[in-house]
């Protein structure tokens, strides 16, 4: 039977060294268990903070001024499209011709979230005016959650990428 060769000169044949190591390991395990037990107890029994209550003020003293409240958080958000906006229709003749391309449209959004203007600002891939028209036609029907500045709805401008892929 073959075995993995190793240096037998450094091996402890008495077994005394392993008992000392095992004792330390058992002590370490017991300390760990005790720590876990204490952490579990503290989690179920939160510490109670007791503060001294100052004595009542004499009746003759003037009332204390109210503490100033922190200002409400300022809400600023960009316009976000509403779920369910119509997707651009891929023109059948462009699809049949295998024309693909991406357009980026810049949309003007009013403070109620309606698109007031749409313009194609860039193209990638094949450029075809029919893809531009299909994108603008759909994007003019889109609705948005309006942009907010200081918590108030404002008009804004967003850019929307539109991809036309044949899937072939």
N, C-alpha and C. Protein backbone atom coordinates (compact mmCIF):
# COMPACT_ATOMS: atom_id res chain seq x y z
N UNK A 1 0.84 -1.17 0.00
CA UNK A 1 0.00 0.00 0.00
C UNK A 1 0.88 1.22 0.00
N UNK A 2 0.56 2.19 -0.85
CA UNK A 2 1.41 3.37 -0.94
C UNK A 2 0.82 4.49 -0.10
N UNK A 3 1.67 5.36 0.39
CA UNK A 3 1.22 6.50 1.18
C UNK A 3 1.97 7.73 0.76
N UNK A 4 1.51 8.87 1.22
CA UNK A 4 2.15 10.13 0.88
C UNK A 4 3.40 10.26 1.75
N UNK A 5 4.56 10.44 1.15
CA UNK A 5 5.79 10.54 1.96
C UNK A 5 5.79 11.80 2.79
N UNK A 6 6.30 11.74 4.00
CA UNK A 6 6.45 12.89 4.85
C UNK A 6 7.64 12.67 5.77
N UNK A 7 8.06 13.73 6.41
CA UNK A 7 9.22 13.67 7.29
C UNK A 7 8.77 13.15 8.64
N UNK A 8 9.21 11.96 9.01
CA UNK A 8 8.80 11.36 10.26
C UNK A 8 9.66 11.79 11.43
N UNK A 9 10.74 12.50 11.18
CA UNK A 9 11.63 12.89 12.27
C UNK A 9 11.02 13.99 13.12
N UNK A 10 10.15 14.79 12.53
CA UNK A 10 9.55 15.88 13.31
C UNK A 10 8.20 15.50 13.88
N UNK A 11 7.73 14.31 13.65
CA UNK A 11 6.42 13.89 14.14
C UNK A 11 6.46 13.66 15.64
N UNK A 12 5.38 14.06 16.35
CA UNK A 12 5.29 13.86 17.80
C UNK A 12 4.68 12.48 18.02
N UNK A 13 5.51 11.56 18.50
CA UNK A 13 5.02 10.20 18.69
C UNK A 13 4.47 9.97 20.08
N UNK A 14 4.63 10.96 20.99
CA UNK A 14 4.16 10.79 22.36
C UNK A 14 2.70 11.16 22.50
N UNK A 15 2.22 12.08 21.65
CA UNK A 15 0.82 12.51 21.73
C UNK A 15 0.59 13.59 22.78
N UNK A 16 1.66 13.97 23.54
CA UNK A 16 1.47 14.98 24.58
C UNK A 16 1.20 16.36 24.00
N UNK A 17 1.80 16.71 22.89
CA UNK A 17 1.61 18.04 22.28
C UNK A 17 0.19 18.23 21.77
N UNK A 18 -0.43 17.18 21.29
CA UNK A 18 -1.78 17.31 20.75
C UNK A 18 -2.80 17.52 21.85
N UNK A 19 -2.55 16.97 23.07
CA UNK A 19 -3.49 17.18 24.18
C UNK A 19 -3.47 18.63 24.63
N UNK A 20 -2.31 19.26 24.62
CA UNK A 20 -2.21 20.67 25.02
C UNK A 20 -2.95 21.55 24.02
N UNK A 21 -2.79 21.26 22.74
CA UNK A 21 -3.47 22.04 21.70
C UNK A 21 -4.98 21.83 21.81
N UNK A 22 -5.40 20.59 22.04
CA UNK A 22 -6.83 20.30 22.15
C UNK A 22 -7.44 21.04 23.33
N UNK A 23 -6.70 21.15 24.44
CA UNK A 23 -7.20 21.89 25.61
C UNK A 23 -7.44 23.35 25.28
N UNK A 24 -6.51 23.96 24.57
CA UNK A 24 -6.69 25.37 24.17
C UNK A 24 -7.87 25.53 23.22
N UNK A 25 -8.01 24.59 22.31
CA UNK A 25 -9.14 24.67 21.37
C UNK A 25 -10.48 24.56 22.10
N UNK A 26 -10.56 23.68 23.12
CA UNK A 26 -11.81 23.56 23.88
C UNK A 26 -12.08 24.83 24.66
N UNK A 27 -11.03 25.44 25.22
CA UNK A 27 -11.22 26.70 25.97
C UNK A 27 -11.68 27.81 25.04
N UNK A 28 -11.10 27.87 23.85
CA UNK A 28 -11.50 28.89 22.87
C UNK A 28 -12.94 28.67 22.42
N UNK A 29 -13.33 27.43 22.21
CA UNK A 29 -14.70 27.13 21.82
C UNK A 29 -15.68 27.53 22.92
N UNK A 30 -15.34 27.25 24.18
CA UNK A 30 -16.22 27.61 25.30
C UNK A 30 -16.36 29.13 25.41
N UNK A 31 -15.26 29.86 25.21
CA UNK A 31 -15.32 31.33 25.28
C UNK A 31 -16.20 31.88 24.15
N UNK A 32 -16.09 31.30 22.97
CA UNK A 32 -16.92 31.74 21.85
C UNK A 32 -18.39 31.50 22.10
N UNK A 33 -18.71 30.34 22.65
CA UNK A 33 -20.11 30.03 22.96
C UNK A 33 -20.67 30.98 24.00
N UNK A 34 -19.86 31.31 25.02
CA UNK A 34 -20.28 32.24 26.05
C UNK A 34 -20.55 33.63 25.45
N UNK A 35 -19.67 34.06 24.55
CA UNK A 35 -19.86 35.36 23.90
C UNK A 35 -21.14 35.37 23.08
N UNK A 36 -21.42 34.31 22.34
CA UNK A 36 -22.66 34.24 21.55
C UNK A 36 -23.89 34.26 22.46
N UNK A 37 -23.81 33.56 23.59
CA UNK A 37 -24.91 33.53 24.53
C UNK A 37 -25.19 34.93 25.09
N UNK A 38 -24.13 35.65 25.43
CA UNK A 38 -24.29 37.01 25.95
C UNK A 38 -24.86 37.96 24.89
N UNK A 39 -24.40 37.82 23.65
CA UNK A 39 -24.91 38.69 22.59
C UNK A 39 -26.39 38.42 22.35
N UNK A 40 -26.80 37.17 22.40
CA UNK A 40 -28.21 36.84 22.22
C UNK A 40 -29.05 37.40 23.34
N UNK A 41 -28.55 37.34 24.57
CA UNK A 41 -29.29 37.88 25.71
C UNK A 41 -29.43 39.39 25.61
N UNK A 42 -28.36 40.07 25.17
CA UNK A 42 -28.42 41.52 25.03
C UNK A 42 -29.38 41.93 23.93
N UNK A 43 -29.50 41.12 22.89
CA UNK A 43 -30.41 41.44 21.79
C UNK A 43 -31.87 41.35 22.25
N UNK A 44 -32.16 40.45 23.18
CA UNK A 44 -33.54 40.30 23.64
C UNK A 44 -33.84 41.14 24.87
N UNK A 45 -32.82 41.69 25.51
CA UNK A 45 -32.98 42.53 26.70
C UNK A 45 -32.23 43.83 26.47
N UNK A 46 -32.81 44.77 25.71
CA UNK A 46 -32.09 46.01 25.40
C UNK A 46 -31.81 46.81 26.67
N UNK A 47 -30.72 47.51 26.61
CA UNK A 47 -30.33 48.34 27.75
C UNK A 47 -31.32 49.49 27.90
N UNK A 48 -31.60 49.87 29.12
CA UNK A 48 -32.53 50.96 29.39
C UNK A 48 -31.70 52.15 29.85
N UNK A 49 -31.92 53.28 29.22
CA UNK A 49 -31.21 54.49 29.59
C UNK A 49 -32.11 55.30 30.50
N UNK A 50 -31.63 55.60 31.67
CA UNK A 50 -32.42 56.37 32.64
C UNK A 50 -31.76 57.73 32.76
N UNK A 51 -32.54 58.78 32.52
CA UNK A 51 -32.03 60.13 32.63
C UNK A 51 -32.68 60.80 33.83
N UNK A 52 -31.90 61.62 34.48
CA UNK A 52 -32.44 62.37 35.61
C UNK A 52 -33.38 63.44 35.08
N UNK A 53 -34.52 63.62 35.72
CA UNK A 53 -35.48 64.64 35.33
C UNK A 53 -35.21 65.87 36.18
N UNK A 54 -35.00 67.04 35.55
CA UNK A 54 -34.71 68.23 36.34
C UNK A 54 -35.95 68.62 37.15
N UNK A 55 -35.73 69.28 38.28
CA UNK A 55 -36.87 69.70 39.08
C UNK A 55 -37.72 70.71 38.32
N UNK A 56 -38.99 70.78 38.67
CA UNK A 56 -39.92 71.70 38.00
C UNK A 56 -39.45 73.13 38.19
N UNK A 57 -39.67 73.92 37.15
CA UNK A 57 -39.30 75.34 37.19
C UNK A 57 -40.27 76.08 38.10
N UNK A 58 -39.80 77.10 38.77
CA UNK A 58 -40.72 77.91 39.56
C UNK A 58 -41.76 78.56 38.66
N UNK A 59 -42.95 78.79 39.17
CA UNK A 59 -44.06 79.34 38.39
C UNK A 59 -43.77 80.74 37.89
N UNK A 60 -42.90 81.48 38.53
CA UNK A 60 -42.65 82.87 38.17
C UNK A 60 -41.73 83.01 36.96
N UNK A 61 -41.04 81.97 36.56
CA UNK A 61 -40.08 82.11 35.46
C UNK A 61 -40.82 82.14 34.13
N UNK A 62 -40.27 82.85 33.14
CA UNK A 62 -40.92 82.94 31.82
C UNK A 62 -40.84 81.60 31.09
N UNK A 63 -41.80 81.31 30.19
CA UNK A 63 -41.78 80.04 29.45
C UNK A 63 -40.56 79.98 28.53
N UNK A 64 -40.07 78.76 28.32
CA UNK A 64 -38.93 78.57 27.43
C UNK A 64 -39.37 78.72 25.98
N UNK A 65 -38.48 79.26 25.16
CA UNK A 65 -38.77 79.40 23.73
C UNK A 65 -38.74 78.02 23.08
N UNK A 66 -39.60 77.83 22.10
CA UNK A 66 -39.65 76.54 21.40
C UNK A 66 -38.35 76.34 20.62
N UNK A 67 -37.89 75.10 20.58
CA UNK A 67 -36.68 74.79 19.82
C UNK A 67 -36.99 74.91 18.34
N UNK A 68 -36.07 75.48 17.58
CA UNK A 68 -36.31 75.56 16.13
C UNK A 68 -36.31 74.16 15.52
N UNK A 69 -37.27 73.91 14.63
CA UNK A 69 -37.38 72.63 13.96
C UNK A 69 -36.49 72.63 12.73
N UNK A 70 -35.89 71.48 12.38
CA UNK A 70 -35.07 71.43 11.18
C UNK A 70 -35.93 71.67 9.94
N UNK A 71 -35.32 72.29 8.95
CA UNK A 71 -36.02 72.58 7.71
C UNK A 71 -36.37 71.27 7.01
N UNK A 72 -37.53 71.20 6.35
CA UNK A 72 -37.88 69.98 5.63
C UNK A 72 -36.86 69.69 4.54
N UNK A 73 -36.69 68.43 4.20
CA UNK A 73 -35.74 68.03 3.17
C UNK A 73 -36.17 68.60 1.82
N UNK A 74 -35.20 69.10 1.08
CA UNK A 74 -35.47 69.64 -0.25
C UNK A 74 -35.56 68.47 -1.21
N UNK A 75 -36.62 68.44 -2.00
CA UNK A 75 -36.82 67.34 -2.93
C UNK A 75 -36.51 67.83 -4.34
N UNK A 76 -35.48 67.26 -4.94
CA UNK A 76 -35.12 67.53 -6.32
C UNK A 76 -35.08 66.19 -7.06
N UNK A 77 -35.80 66.12 -8.18
CA UNK A 77 -35.84 64.89 -8.98
C UNK A 77 -35.88 65.26 -10.45
N UNK A 78 -35.29 64.39 -11.28
CA UNK A 78 -35.39 64.55 -12.72
C UNK A 78 -36.71 63.92 -13.18
N UNK A 79 -37.17 64.34 -14.35
CA UNK A 79 -38.39 63.75 -14.91
C UNK A 79 -38.16 62.28 -15.20
N UNK A 80 -39.16 61.45 -14.90
CA UNK A 80 -39.08 60.00 -15.12
C UNK A 80 -40.29 59.55 -15.93
N UNK A 81 -40.08 58.70 -16.96
CA UNK A 81 -41.23 58.24 -17.76
C UNK A 81 -42.17 57.38 -16.92
N UNK A 82 -43.45 57.51 -17.20
CA UNK A 82 -44.48 56.72 -16.53
C UNK A 82 -44.53 55.35 -17.19
N UNK A 83 -44.74 54.31 -16.40
CA UNK A 83 -44.85 52.94 -16.92
C UNK A 83 -46.05 52.86 -17.86
N UNK A 84 -45.86 52.16 -18.97
CA UNK A 84 -46.96 51.95 -19.90
C UNK A 84 -46.95 52.89 -21.09
N UNK A 85 -45.92 53.73 -21.23
CA UNK A 85 -45.83 54.60 -22.40
C UNK A 85 -45.70 53.74 -23.66
N UNK A 86 -46.29 54.18 -24.79
CA UNK A 86 -46.24 53.36 -26.00
C UNK A 86 -44.83 53.29 -26.58
N UNK A 87 -44.45 52.11 -27.04
CA UNK A 87 -43.15 51.93 -27.68
C UNK A 87 -43.26 52.32 -29.15
N UNK A 88 -42.16 52.82 -29.72
CA UNK A 88 -42.19 53.17 -31.14
C UNK A 88 -42.48 51.95 -32.02
N UNK A 89 -43.25 52.16 -33.06
CA UNK A 89 -43.59 51.11 -34.01
C UNK A 89 -42.49 51.04 -35.06
N UNK A 90 -41.98 49.83 -35.31
CA UNK A 90 -40.94 49.63 -36.32
C UNK A 90 -41.63 49.65 -37.67
N UNK A 91 -41.38 50.64 -38.51
CA UNK A 91 -42.06 50.68 -39.82
C UNK A 91 -41.80 49.39 -40.61
N UNK A 92 -42.87 48.80 -41.14
CA UNK A 92 -42.79 47.49 -41.81
C UNK A 92 -41.81 47.51 -42.98
N UNK A 93 -41.85 48.57 -43.79
CA UNK A 93 -40.96 48.61 -44.95
C UNK A 93 -39.49 48.73 -44.54
N UNK A 94 -39.22 49.42 -43.43
CA UNK A 94 -37.86 49.55 -42.93
C UNK A 94 -37.40 48.21 -42.34
N UNK A 95 -38.29 47.54 -41.64
CA UNK A 95 -37.99 46.23 -41.07
C UNK A 95 -37.71 45.23 -42.18
N UNK A 96 -38.55 45.22 -43.24
CA UNK A 96 -38.36 44.30 -44.37
C UNK A 96 -37.04 44.55 -45.07
N UNK A 97 -36.60 45.81 -45.09
CA UNK A 97 -35.33 46.16 -45.75
C UNK A 97 -34.14 45.82 -44.86
N UNK A 98 -34.38 45.42 -43.59
CA UNK A 98 -33.28 45.05 -42.69
C UNK A 98 -32.52 46.24 -42.14
N UNK A 99 -33.15 47.41 -42.15
CA UNK A 99 -32.49 48.62 -41.66
C UNK A 99 -32.61 48.66 -40.14
N UNK A 100 -31.47 48.84 -39.48
CA UNK A 100 -31.40 48.96 -38.03
C UNK A 100 -30.72 50.27 -37.67
N UNK A 101 -31.04 50.77 -36.50
CA UNK A 101 -30.36 51.97 -36.03
C UNK A 101 -30.88 52.41 -34.69
N UNK A 102 -30.13 53.30 -34.07
CA UNK A 102 -30.51 53.90 -32.80
C UNK A 102 -30.65 55.39 -33.00
N UNK A 103 -31.63 55.96 -32.32
CA UNK A 103 -31.78 57.42 -32.34
C UNK A 103 -31.85 57.89 -30.90
N UNK A 104 -31.40 59.11 -30.68
CA UNK A 104 -31.56 59.74 -29.37
C UNK A 104 -32.41 60.98 -29.59
N UNK A 105 -33.51 61.03 -28.85
CA UNK A 105 -34.45 62.15 -28.96
C UNK A 105 -34.33 63.04 -27.72
N UNK A 106 -34.41 64.34 -27.94
CA UNK A 106 -34.46 65.31 -26.83
C UNK A 106 -35.91 65.74 -26.69
N UNK A 107 -36.45 65.54 -25.49
CA UNK A 107 -37.85 65.86 -25.24
C UNK A 107 -37.97 67.05 -24.29
N UNK A 108 -38.89 67.96 -24.61
CA UNK A 108 -39.25 69.04 -23.69
C UNK A 108 -40.45 68.54 -22.89
N UNK A 109 -40.33 68.58 -21.56
CA UNK A 109 -41.40 68.10 -20.68
C UNK A 109 -41.93 69.30 -19.91
N UNK A 110 -43.27 69.48 -19.90
CA UNK A 110 -43.82 70.60 -19.12
C UNK A 110 -43.98 70.21 -17.65
N UNK A 111 -44.43 71.13 -16.83
CA UNK A 111 -44.51 70.88 -15.38
C UNK A 111 -45.61 69.88 -15.00
N UNK A 112 -46.47 69.52 -15.96
CA UNK A 112 -47.48 68.48 -15.67
C UNK A 112 -47.03 67.11 -16.18
N UNK A 113 -45.85 67.03 -16.82
CA UNK A 113 -45.31 65.75 -17.28
C UNK A 113 -45.63 65.41 -18.72
N UNK A 114 -46.18 66.34 -19.48
CA UNK A 114 -46.50 66.09 -20.89
C UNK A 114 -45.33 66.52 -21.79
N UNK A 115 -45.14 65.76 -22.88
CA UNK A 115 -44.10 66.09 -23.85
C UNK A 115 -44.64 67.20 -24.74
N UNK A 116 -43.91 68.32 -24.79
CA UNK A 116 -44.35 69.44 -25.61
C UNK A 116 -43.58 69.54 -26.91
N UNK A 117 -42.39 68.88 -26.98
CA UNK A 117 -41.60 68.91 -28.21
C UNK A 117 -40.63 67.74 -28.19
N UNK A 118 -40.36 67.18 -29.37
CA UNK A 118 -39.42 66.07 -29.50
C UNK A 118 -38.58 66.30 -30.75
N UNK A 119 -37.26 66.17 -30.59
CA UNK A 119 -36.32 66.38 -31.69
C UNK A 119 -35.27 65.28 -31.63
N UNK A 120 -34.94 64.71 -32.79
CA UNK A 120 -33.85 63.72 -32.85
C UNK A 120 -32.53 64.49 -32.85
N UNK A 121 -31.65 64.12 -31.89
CA UNK A 121 -30.38 64.84 -31.77
C UNK A 121 -29.17 64.03 -32.21
N UNK A 122 -29.31 62.70 -32.30
CA UNK A 122 -28.19 61.91 -32.82
C UNK A 122 -28.66 60.55 -33.30
N UNK A 123 -27.79 59.91 -34.09
CA UNK A 123 -28.07 58.60 -34.68
C UNK A 123 -26.86 57.69 -34.48
N UNK A 124 -27.12 56.39 -34.42
CA UNK A 124 -26.07 55.38 -34.49
C UNK A 124 -26.58 54.29 -35.42
N UNK A 125 -25.69 53.68 -36.15
CA UNK A 125 -26.11 52.66 -37.11
C UNK A 125 -26.65 53.34 -38.37
N UNK A 126 -27.55 52.65 -39.04
CA UNK A 126 -28.11 53.20 -40.27
C UNK A 126 -29.09 54.32 -39.94
N UNK A 127 -28.98 55.41 -40.69
CA UNK A 127 -29.87 56.55 -40.47
C UNK A 127 -30.98 56.51 -41.50
N UNK A 128 -32.22 56.53 -40.99
CA UNK A 128 -33.37 56.52 -41.88
C UNK A 128 -34.43 57.43 -41.29
N UNK A 129 -34.96 58.33 -42.08
CA UNK A 129 -35.94 59.31 -41.60
C UNK A 129 -37.20 58.63 -41.09
N UNK A 130 -37.52 57.44 -41.61
CA UNK A 130 -38.71 56.71 -41.15
C UNK A 130 -38.55 56.23 -39.70
N UNK A 131 -37.31 55.89 -39.31
CA UNK A 131 -37.06 55.52 -37.91
C UNK A 131 -37.21 56.76 -37.01
N UNK A 132 -36.70 57.90 -37.50
CA UNK A 132 -36.84 59.15 -36.75
C UNK A 132 -38.32 59.48 -36.53
N UNK A 133 -39.11 59.38 -37.59
CA UNK A 133 -40.54 59.70 -37.50
C UNK A 133 -41.27 58.76 -36.55
N UNK A 134 -40.95 57.46 -36.61
CA UNK A 134 -41.60 56.49 -35.73
C UNK A 134 -41.26 56.79 -34.27
N UNK A 135 -40.02 57.14 -33.99
CA UNK A 135 -39.61 57.46 -32.62
C UNK A 135 -40.34 58.71 -32.13
N UNK A 136 -40.35 59.75 -32.91
CA UNK A 136 -40.99 61.01 -32.49
C UNK A 136 -42.49 60.82 -32.31
N UNK A 137 -43.12 60.07 -33.21
CA UNK A 137 -44.57 59.83 -33.11
C UNK A 137 -44.93 59.17 -31.77
N UNK A 138 -44.16 58.18 -31.37
CA UNK A 138 -44.43 57.50 -30.10
C UNK A 138 -44.07 58.38 -28.91
N UNK A 139 -42.91 59.04 -28.96
CA UNK A 139 -42.43 59.82 -27.82
C UNK A 139 -43.32 61.03 -27.52
N UNK A 140 -43.98 61.57 -28.53
CA UNK A 140 -44.90 62.70 -28.28
C UNK A 140 -46.12 62.27 -27.46
N UNK A 141 -46.39 60.97 -27.39
CA UNK A 141 -47.51 60.45 -26.60
C UNK A 141 -47.10 60.10 -25.16
N UNK A 142 -45.81 60.13 -24.89
CA UNK A 142 -45.32 59.74 -23.57
C UNK A 142 -45.75 60.72 -22.50
N UNK A 143 -45.85 60.21 -21.27
CA UNK A 143 -46.12 61.03 -20.08
C UNK A 143 -45.01 60.75 -19.08
N UNK A 144 -44.72 61.75 -18.28
CA UNK A 144 -43.63 61.67 -17.30
C UNK A 144 -44.11 62.10 -15.92
N UNK A 145 -43.42 61.62 -14.90
CA UNK A 145 -43.52 62.24 -13.59
C UNK A 145 -42.64 63.48 -13.74
N UNK A 146 -43.18 64.68 -13.53
CA UNK A 146 -42.39 65.88 -13.83
C UNK A 146 -41.16 66.02 -12.93
N UNK A 147 -40.21 66.77 -13.42
CA UNK A 147 -39.02 67.08 -12.63
C UNK A 147 -39.44 67.95 -11.45
N UNK A 148 -38.73 67.82 -10.33
CA UNK A 148 -39.02 68.61 -9.13
C UNK A 148 -37.78 69.39 -8.72
N UNK A 149 -37.96 70.64 -8.38
CA UNK A 149 -36.91 71.46 -7.78
C UNK A 149 -37.52 72.11 -6.56
N UNK A 150 -36.86 71.91 -5.43
CA UNK A 150 -37.38 72.39 -4.15
C UNK A 150 -38.80 71.89 -3.91
N UNK A 151 -39.09 70.68 -4.39
CA UNK A 151 -40.38 70.06 -4.16
C UNK A 151 -41.48 70.53 -5.10
N UNK A 152 -41.18 71.40 -6.05
CA UNK A 152 -42.20 71.91 -6.98
C UNK A 152 -41.94 71.40 -8.38
N UNK A 153 -43.01 71.02 -9.10
CA UNK A 153 -42.90 70.52 -10.47
C UNK A 153 -42.44 71.65 -11.38
N UNK A 154 -41.47 71.31 -12.26
CA UNK A 154 -40.95 72.29 -13.21
C UNK A 154 -40.86 71.66 -14.59
N UNK A 155 -40.76 72.51 -15.61
CA UNK A 155 -40.51 72.04 -16.98
C UNK A 155 -39.06 71.57 -17.04
N UNK A 156 -38.79 70.59 -17.92
CA UNK A 156 -37.43 70.06 -18.03
C UNK A 156 -37.19 69.50 -19.41
N UNK A 157 -35.94 69.07 -19.63
CA UNK A 157 -35.54 68.46 -20.89
C UNK A 157 -34.90 67.12 -20.56
N UNK A 158 -35.29 66.08 -21.30
CA UNK A 158 -34.68 64.76 -21.13
C UNK A 158 -34.26 64.22 -22.49
N UNK A 159 -33.31 63.31 -22.49
CA UNK A 159 -32.92 62.63 -23.72
C UNK A 159 -33.29 61.16 -23.58
N UNK A 160 -33.89 60.62 -24.63
CA UNK A 160 -34.37 59.23 -24.61
C UNK A 160 -33.76 58.48 -25.79
N UNK A 161 -33.04 57.38 -25.51
CA UNK A 161 -32.53 56.55 -26.61
C UNK A 161 -33.62 55.59 -27.10
N UNK A 162 -33.69 55.38 -28.41
CA UNK A 162 -34.65 54.45 -29.00
C UNK A 162 -33.86 53.52 -29.92
N UNK A 163 -33.99 52.22 -29.72
CA UNK A 163 -33.28 51.23 -30.54
C UNK A 163 -34.25 50.57 -31.50
N UNK A 164 -33.83 50.45 -32.74
CA UNK A 164 -34.59 49.70 -33.74
C UNK A 164 -33.70 48.54 -34.20
N UNK A 165 -34.09 47.30 -33.82
CA UNK A 165 -33.33 46.10 -34.16
C UNK A 165 -34.26 45.11 -34.87
N UNK A 166 -33.75 44.50 -35.92
CA UNK A 166 -34.56 43.55 -36.70
C UNK A 166 -34.66 42.19 -36.01
N UNK A 167 -33.68 41.83 -35.20
CA UNK A 167 -33.68 40.54 -34.52
C UNK A 167 -33.29 39.40 -35.43
N UNK A 168 -32.70 39.71 -36.56
CA UNK A 168 -32.28 38.66 -37.51
C UNK A 168 -30.89 38.17 -37.20
